Amino acid sequence: MLAVKGLNQFYGGSHTLWDINLDVPRGSRMCLMGRNGMGKTTMLKCIMGLLPSATGSAMFDGLDLLQCPAEERARAGIGYVPQGREIFPQMTVEENLCIGLGVRKKGVRRIPDLVYELFPVLKSMLKRRGGDLSGGQQQQLAIGRALVLEPKMLILDEPTEGIQPNVVREIGDIILKLNQTTGLTVLLVEQKLPFARRVASDFCILANGRHVALGTIAELTDEVVHAHLSV
C-alpha cells in the first residue's frame, strides 16, 4: 500500500534521512522503531508533507505522495495522529472531530458512528473543550479525529506517550480491532517494546537516519533489541 524508496531529507546542513526504503503492505501493522533522534518522526512528517524531502518517492495506492500538497495526502486516505496529539485545546471535542470532515474526499459530512463506538467517552464529552480532557482522552480524540476521514491507512506517532496504562491497552485493542475487522493498514512509531510486540505485525528500525533492521515482529529478537534499541 505504501512504498517509500530512496527517501532523503536535510535539515539545514544536516542529512537527516539517508536513502530510506520501506514497504508497508496493505492490511499490515508496521512499527517504526529506533532510539530518540534517529529520524522516525521526520520520516512520518515527510510522508505527510509536513517536511520537505530532497529525493525519493512515497507511493500510496499509485499516488506519489511527495509530489502532492499535504492536504491531498489526507484526501488520498491517510489519517495522521501526530506526536503530542496536537488537538485544538480551546475548541470542543465535537469541533475537533469536525475538523476532519473538511478534507473528506466524499461522503456524508458527519462524524462516523464508528468513532463513538470505539471511543464512547468522546460522545459524552462533545461540548467540553479539548484542553480540559486528560492526556488519555486527548489521545483518543486525536485518533478519533483521524478516523473521521475513514482512512485506508492510519499513521500514529508515539500513540502511548504520556498515557496511563489502562488507556494504552485500550488504544492497542482499538488498533488491532480496526486492522482485523476493517483491514485498516497501520504505520506507527512506538518506543514501548511490549506494546509494539503486541500490536505490530512487522517492524523497521532506524539508526542515524538509516534503516538498519526490518522483519516480522517475531523476528524482533532480544539480540536485535540489544543491538539497535537498548540505551
Protein backbone atom coordinates (compact mmCIF):
# COMPACT_ATOMS: atom_id res chain seq x y z
CA MET A 1 0.00 0.00 0.00
CA LEU A 2 2.81 2.41 0.91
CA ALA A 3 6.22 2.07 -0.74
CA VAL A 4 8.93 4.53 0.29
CA LYS A 5 12.05 4.41 -1.89
CA GLY A 6 15.31 6.35 -1.73
CA LEU A 7 13.96 8.96 0.69
CA ASN A 8 16.48 11.63 1.64
CA GLN A 9 15.83 14.64 3.82
CA PHE A 10 18.00 17.53 5.01
CA TYR A 11 17.52 19.90 7.93
CA GLY A 12 19.73 22.88 7.33
CA GLY A 13 23.16 21.39 6.71
CA SER A 14 22.32 18.08 8.37
CA HIS A 15 21.46 14.98 6.34
CA THR A 16 18.67 13.53 8.50
CA LEU A 17 17.28 10.67 6.35
CA TRP A 18 19.56 8.55 4.18
CA ASP A 19 18.07 6.60 1.26
CA ILE A 20 15.20 5.16 3.31
CA ASN A 21 13.30 2.26 1.76
CA LEU A 22 10.17 0.93 3.43
CA ASP A 23 7.24 -1.16 2.21
CA VAL A 24 4.03 -1.18 4.25
CA PRO A 25 1.80 -3.94 2.78
CA ARG A 26 -1.94 -3.49 2.68
CA GLY A 27 -3.51 -4.72 5.91
CA SER A 28 -0.24 -4.79 7.85
CA ARG A 29 0.67 -3.08 11.12
CA MET A 30 4.18 -1.70 10.65
CA CYS A 31 6.05 -0.33 13.67
CA LEU A 32 8.83 2.17 13.05
CA MET A 33 11.34 1.94 15.89
CA GLY A 34 14.66 3.41 16.99
CA ARG A 35 16.34 5.38 19.73
CA ASN A 36 15.45 9.06 20.20
CA GLY A 37 16.57 11.37 17.42
CA MET A 38 17.03 8.67 14.78
CA GLY A 39 14.60 10.09 12.21
CA LYS A 40 11.29 8.34 12.93
CA THR A 41 9.11 11.43 13.31
CA THR A 42 10.98 13.14 10.48
CA MET A 43 10.09 10.25 8.19
CA LEU A 44 6.39 10.42 9.08
CA LYS A 45 6.37 14.18 8.52
CA CYS A 46 7.95 13.71 5.10
CA ILE A 47 5.27 11.17 4.20
CA MET A 48 2.56 13.59 5.35
CA GLY A 49 4.08 16.63 3.61
CA LEU A 50 4.90 18.48 6.82
CA LEU A 51 8.62 18.46 5.99
CA PRO A 52 10.19 18.68 2.53
CA SER A 53 12.01 15.68 1.05
CA ALA A 54 15.16 16.13 -1.03
CA THR A 55 14.87 12.99 -3.15
CA GLY A 56 12.91 9.77 -3.32
CA SER A 57 9.29 8.70 -3.65
CA ALA A 58 6.47 7.55 -1.41
CA MET A 59 3.87 5.71 -3.47
CA PHE A 60 0.47 5.25 -1.85
CA ASP A 61 -2.03 3.32 -3.92
CA GLY A 62 -0.33 4.55 -7.09
CA LEU A 63 -0.05 8.17 -5.96
CA ASP A 64 3.38 9.70 -5.30
CA LEU A 65 2.72 11.49 -2.03
CA LEU A 66 5.91 13.53 -2.23
CA GLN A 67 4.53 15.31 -5.29
CA CYS A 68 1.24 16.21 -3.58
CA PRO A 69 0.25 19.04 -1.21
CA ALA A 70 -0.17 17.92 2.39
CA GLU A 71 -3.97 18.23 2.28
CA GLU A 72 -4.15 15.89 -0.71
CA ARG A 73 -2.45 13.17 1.30
CA ALA A 74 -5.32 13.18 3.76
CA ARG A 75 -7.84 13.11 0.91
CA ALA A 76 -5.96 10.15 -0.57
CA GLY A 77 -6.91 8.16 2.51
CA ILE A 78 -4.26 8.70 5.19
CA GLY A 79 -5.25 9.53 8.75
CA TYR A 80 -2.42 11.06 10.79
CA VAL A 81 -2.10 11.24 14.58
CA PRO A 82 0.95 13.40 15.36
CA GLN A 83 3.25 13.11 18.32
CA GLY A 84 1.86 15.18 21.17
CA ARG A 85 -1.69 14.81 19.78
CA GLU A 86 -1.96 18.46 18.62
CA ILE A 87 -5.65 18.81 19.30
CA PHE A 88 -7.15 22.30 19.48
CA PRO A 89 -7.43 22.96 23.24
CA GLN A 90 -9.88 25.88 23.01
CA MET A 91 -12.25 24.01 20.69
CA THR A 92 -14.82 21.50 21.88
CA VAL A 93 -14.45 17.77 21.37
CA GLU A 94 -17.12 17.94 18.67
CA GLU A 95 -15.39 20.82 16.89
CA ASN A 96 -12.06 18.94 16.97
CA LEU A 97 -13.70 15.91 15.41
CA CYS A 98 -15.42 18.00 12.74
CA ILE A 99 -12.06 19.36 11.55
CA GLY A 100 -11.55 16.13 9.64
CA LEU A 101 -14.84 16.46 7.75
CA GLY A 102 -13.50 19.30 5.64
CA VAL A 103 -10.88 17.14 3.94
CA ARG A 104 -13.01 14.06 3.31
CA LYS A 105 -12.91 13.18 -0.35
CA LYS A 106 -16.58 12.32 -0.49
CA GLY A 107 -19.47 11.06 1.56
CA VAL A 108 -21.77 12.37 4.26
CA ARG A 109 -20.42 15.34 6.21
CA ARG A 110 -21.00 13.84 9.63
CA ILE A 111 -18.85 12.15 12.24
CA PRO A 112 -18.95 8.39 11.58
CA ASP A 113 -20.71 6.33 14.22
CA LEU A 114 -17.61 4.13 14.44
CA VAL A 115 -15.72 6.93 16.21
CA TYR A 116 -18.24 6.96 19.07
CA GLU A 117 -18.40 3.16 19.14
CA LEU A 118 -14.65 2.98 19.63
CA PHE A 119 -14.42 5.97 21.98
CA PRO A 120 -17.74 6.33 23.87
CA VAL A 121 -16.10 8.79 26.28
CA LEU A 122 -15.88 11.30 23.43
CA LYS A 123 -19.63 11.19 22.83
CA SER A 124 -20.24 12.01 26.49
CA MET A 125 -17.86 14.99 26.31
CA LEU A 126 -18.80 16.56 22.98
CA LYS A 127 -19.27 20.06 24.41
CA ARG A 128 -16.17 20.04 26.61
CA ARG A 129 -13.05 21.84 25.46
CA GLY A 130 -10.27 19.60 24.22
CA GLY A 131 -7.81 21.20 26.62
CA ASP A 132 -9.91 20.10 29.58
CA LEU A 133 -9.56 16.40 28.74
CA SER A 134 -6.99 14.11 30.35
CA GLY A 135 -3.96 13.02 28.34
CA GLY A 136 -5.52 9.68 27.55
CA GLN A 137 -8.80 11.27 26.47
CA GLN A 138 -6.92 13.75 24.27
CA GLN A 139 -5.13 10.85 22.58
CA GLN A 140 -8.47 9.17 21.94
CA LEU A 141 -9.72 12.45 20.50
CA ALA A 142 -6.69 12.71 18.21
CA ILE A 143 -7.22 9.17 16.94
CA GLY A 144 -10.95 9.79 16.55
CA ARG A 145 -10.24 12.94 14.53
CA ALA A 146 -8.05 10.91 12.16
CA LEU A 147 -10.73 8.20 11.85
CA VAL A 148 -13.33 10.78 10.82
CA LEU A 149 -11.64 10.63 7.41
CA GLU A 150 -12.46 6.90 7.21
CA PRO A 151 -8.86 6.36 6.08
CA LYS A 152 -7.25 3.45 4.27
CA MET A 153 -4.09 3.90 6.37
CA LEU A 154 -3.66 5.23 9.90
CA ILE A 155 -0.31 6.75 10.87
CA LEU A 156 0.34 7.22 14.59
CA ASP A 157 3.42 8.88 16.08
CA GLU A 158 4.05 7.53 19.61
CA PRO A 159 0.38 6.95 20.50
CA THR A 160 1.21 5.69 24.02
CA GLU A 161 3.44 8.60 25.05
CA GLY A 162 2.38 10.01 28.41
CA ILE A 163 -0.74 7.82 28.61
CA GLN A 164 -1.91 5.83 31.62
CA PRO A 165 -1.57 2.02 31.28
CA ASN A 166 -5.28 1.22 31.02
CA VAL A 167 -5.70 3.63 28.10
CA VAL A 168 -2.51 2.29 26.48
CA ARG A 169 -4.08 -1.16 26.43
CA GLU A 170 -7.36 0.25 25.12
CA ILE A 171 -5.56 2.01 22.26
CA GLY A 172 -3.78 -1.24 21.41
CA ASP A 173 -7.10 -3.09 21.38
CA ILE A 174 -8.62 -0.50 19.06
CA ILE A 175 -5.71 -0.63 16.61
CA LEU A 176 -5.99 -4.42 16.44
CA LYS A 177 -9.77 -4.28 16.09
CA LEU A 178 -9.65 -1.76 13.25
CA ASN A 179 -6.98 -3.75 11.45
CA GLN A 180 -8.70 -7.10 11.84
CA THR A 181 -12.30 -6.04 11.18
CA THR A 182 -11.89 -3.31 8.55
CA GLY A 183 -8.50 -4.14 7.05
CA LEU A 184 -7.09 -0.73 8.05
CA THR A 185 -3.36 -0.53 7.37
CA VAL A 186 -1.33 0.91 10.26
CA LEU A 187 2.07 2.60 10.42
CA LEU A 188 3.12 3.65 13.91
CA VAL A 189 6.15 4.92 15.74
CA GLU A 190 6.45 3.29 19.15
CA GLN A 191 9.12 3.10 21.86
CA LYS A 192 7.42 0.67 24.23
CA LEU A 193 8.53 -2.86 23.32
CA PRO A 194 5.62 -4.73 24.95
CA PHE A 195 3.11 -2.56 23.07
CA ALA A 196 4.98 -2.94 19.78
CA ARG A 197 5.22 -6.71 20.13
CA ARG A 198 1.52 -6.97 20.96
CA VAL A 199 0.18 -4.65 18.28
CA ALA A 200 2.57 -4.72 15.31
CA SER A 201 2.85 -7.35 12.59
CA ASP A 202 6.15 -6.01 11.23
CA PHE A 203 8.93 -3.66 12.29
CA CYS A 204 11.55 -1.34 10.83
CA ILE A 205 14.36 0.13 12.93
CA LEU A 206 16.06 3.44 12.09
CA ALA A 207 19.50 4.45 13.34
CA ASN A 208 21.08 7.77 12.42
CA GLY A 209 18.54 8.28 9.66
CA ARG A 210 19.12 4.88 8.04
CA HIS A 211 17.06 1.70 8.19
CA VAL A 212 19.18 -0.96 9.90
CA ALA A 213 16.75 -3.80 10.62
CA LEU A 214 13.47 -4.96 9.11
CA GLY A 215 11.25 -8.01 9.53
CA THR A 216 8.17 -9.55 11.05
CA ILE A 217 7.54 -8.77 14.69
CA ALA A 218 8.51 -12.36 15.56
CA GLU A 219 11.99 -11.50 14.26
CA LEU A 220 12.36 -8.65 16.75
CA THR A 221 14.59 -10.78 18.98
CA ASP A 222 16.40 -9.74 22.14
CA GLU A 223 19.61 -9.64 20.08
CA VAL A 224 18.10 -7.15 17.64
CA VAL A 225 16.75 -5.06 20.51
CA HIS A 226 20.15 -5.02 22.24
CA ALA A 227 21.96 -4.06 19.03
CA HIS A 228 19.67 -1.24 17.94
CA LEU A 229 17.27 -0.18 20.68
CA SER A 230 18.99 -0.52 24.04
CA VAL A 231 20.30 2.65 25.65
